[in-house]
Amino acid sequence: MKYIEDLIVEVKILDDGAVFSRRKDRKPMTPADYKEALRLADSQPGITVNDVLRVFPGAKARQHGGGER
């Protein structure tokens, strides 16, 4: 598992490629927050989120609401 963070967003990339993100202040993620989370995930070495979406065209980048675990 990889853990990345910036000033606002925390991102976890699990070994199976799943990406989970949340705001550090626990507020709901905004569209800009989701873009930043994807940017952080894609900045890591290895397979990127866009690579997965291209290889598995039926895959979707899901957005979870705050508070779900």
C-alpha atoms as a PDB file:
ATOM      1  CA  MET A   1       0.000   0.000   0.000  1.00  0.00           C
ATOM      2  CA  LYS A   2       1.185   3.514  -0.802  1.00  0.00           C
ATOM      3  CA  TYR A   3       0.147   6.592   1.137  1.00  0.00           C
ATOM      4  CA  ILE A   4       0.441  10.075  -0.382  1.00  0.00           C
ATOM      5  CA  GLU A   5      -0.751  13.400   0.948  1.00  0.00           C
ATOM      6  CA  ASP A   6      -0.648  17.098   0.246  1.00  0.00           C
ATOM      7  CA  LEU A   7      -2.038  20.021   2.229  1.00  0.00           C
ATOM      8  CA  ILE A   8      -5.700  19.044   1.705  1.00  0.00           C
ATOM      9  CA  VAL A   9      -6.010  15.491   0.316  1.00  0.00           C
ATOM     10  CA  GLU A  10      -4.861  12.063   1.561  1.00  0.00           C
ATOM     11  CA  VAL A  11      -4.582   9.251  -0.995  1.00  0.00           C
ATOM     12  CA  LYS A  12      -4.131   5.519  -0.383  1.00  0.00           C
ATOM     13  CA  ILE A  13      -3.209   3.214  -3.258  1.00  0.00           C
ATOM     14  CA  LEU A  14      -3.804  -0.407  -2.299  1.00  0.00           C
ATOM     15  CA  ASP A  15      -1.767  -3.301  -3.657  1.00  0.00           C
ATOM     16  CA  ASP A  16      -4.630  -4.315  -5.966  1.00  0.00           C
ATOM     17  CA  GLY A  17      -4.629  -0.828  -7.545  1.00  0.00           C
ATOM     18  CA  ALA A  18      -7.687   0.553  -5.750  1.00  0.00           C
ATOM     19  CA  VAL A  19      -7.354   4.251  -4.949  1.00  0.00           C
ATOM     20  CA  PHE A  20      -9.033   5.789  -1.903  1.00  0.00           C
ATOM     21  CA  SER A  21      -8.927   9.475  -1.110  1.00  0.00           C
ATOM     22  CA  ARG A  22     -10.359  11.891   1.426  1.00  0.00           C
ATOM     23  CA  ARG A  23      -9.903  15.428   2.622  1.00  0.00           C
ATOM     24  CA  LYS A  24      -7.807  15.842   5.757  1.00  0.00           C
ATOM     25  CA  ASP A  25     -10.471  18.100   7.281  1.00  0.00           C
ATOM     26  CA  ARG A  26     -13.123  15.367   6.664  1.00  0.00           C
ATOM     27  CA  LYS A  27     -15.301  17.700   4.554  1.00  0.00           C
ATOM     28  CA  PRO A  28     -16.906  16.310   1.372  1.00  0.00           C
ATOM     29  CA  MET A  29     -14.563  16.041  -1.595  1.00  0.00           C
ATOM     30  CA  THR A  30     -15.045  18.670  -4.295  1.00  0.00           C
ATOM     31  CA  PRO A  31     -14.439  18.057  -8.020  1.00  0.00           C
ATOM     32  CA  ALA A  32     -11.094  19.873  -7.623  1.00  0.00           C
ATOM     33  CA  ASP A  33     -10.205  17.516  -4.744  1.00  0.00           C
ATOM     34  CA  TYR A  34     -10.910  14.469  -6.940  1.00  0.00           C
ATOM     35  CA  LYS A  35      -8.678  15.896  -9.673  1.00  0.00           C
ATOM     36  CA  GLU A  36      -5.903  16.494  -7.150  1.00  0.00           C
ATOM     37  CA  ALA A  37      -6.272  12.948  -5.770  1.00  0.00           C
ATOM     38  CA  LEU A  38      -5.997  11.481  -9.279  1.00  0.00           C
ATOM     39  CA  ARG A  39      -2.998  13.706  -9.992  1.00  0.00           C
ATOM     40  CA  LEU A  40      -1.283  12.496  -6.810  1.00  0.00           C
ATOM     41  CA  ALA A  41      -2.082   8.854  -7.603  1.00  0.00           C
ATOM     42  CA  ASP A  42      -0.830   9.239 -11.174  1.00  0.00           C
ATOM     43  CA  SER A  43       2.395  10.896 -10.003  1.00  0.00           C
ATOM     44  CA  GLN A  44       3.524   7.636  -8.388  1.00  0.00           C
ATOM     45  CA  PRO A  45       5.719   5.182 -10.295  1.00  0.00           C
ATOM     46  CA  GLY A  46       3.904   2.252 -11.849  1.00  0.00           C
ATOM     47  CA  ILE A  47       0.485   1.932 -13.445  1.00  0.00           C
ATOM     48  CA  THR A  48      -1.602   5.104 -13.493  1.00  0.00           C
ATOM     49  CA  VAL A  49      -5.346   5.480 -13.060  1.00  0.00           C
ATOM     50  CA  ASN A  50      -5.634   6.466 -16.725  1.00  0.00           C
ATOM     51  CA  ASP A  51      -3.746   3.290 -17.713  1.00  0.00           C
ATOM     52  CA  VAL A  52      -6.267   1.159 -15.824  1.00  0.00           C
ATOM     53  CA  LEU A  53      -9.223   2.967 -17.399  1.00  0.00           C
ATOM     54  CA  ARG A  54      -7.681   2.504 -20.858  1.00  0.00           C
ATOM     55  CA  VAL A  55      -6.922  -1.224 -20.371  1.00  0.00           C
ATOM     56  CA  PHE A  56     -10.288  -1.947 -18.726  1.00  0.00           C
ATOM     57  CA  PRO A  57     -12.716   0.240 -20.686  1.00  0.00           C
ATOM     58  CA  GLY A  58     -15.672  -0.830 -18.534  1.00  0.00           C
ATOM     59  CA  ALA A  59     -13.962   0.360 -15.347  1.00  0.00           C
ATOM     60  CA  LYS A  60     -15.145   3.530 -13.649  1.00  0.00           C
ATOM     61  CA  ALA A  61     -13.482   5.945 -11.257  1.00  0.00           C
ATOM     62  CA  ARG A  62     -16.003   5.847  -8.400  1.00  0.00           C
ATOM     63  CA  GLN A  63     -16.574   8.767  -6.105  1.00  0.00           C
ATOM     64  CA  HIS A  64     -17.495   7.872  -2.545  1.00  0.00           C
ATOM     65  CA  GLY A  65     -19.329  10.238  -0.264  1.00  0.00           C
ATOM     66  CA  GLY A  66     -17.758  11.367   2.994  1.00  0.00           C
ATOM     67  CA  GLY A  67     -18.097   9.201   6.067  1.00  0.00           C
ATOM     68  CA  GLU A  68     -18.332   5.848   4.303  1.00  0.00           C
ATOM     69  CA  ARG A  69     -15.871   3.213   5.430  1.00  0.00           C
END
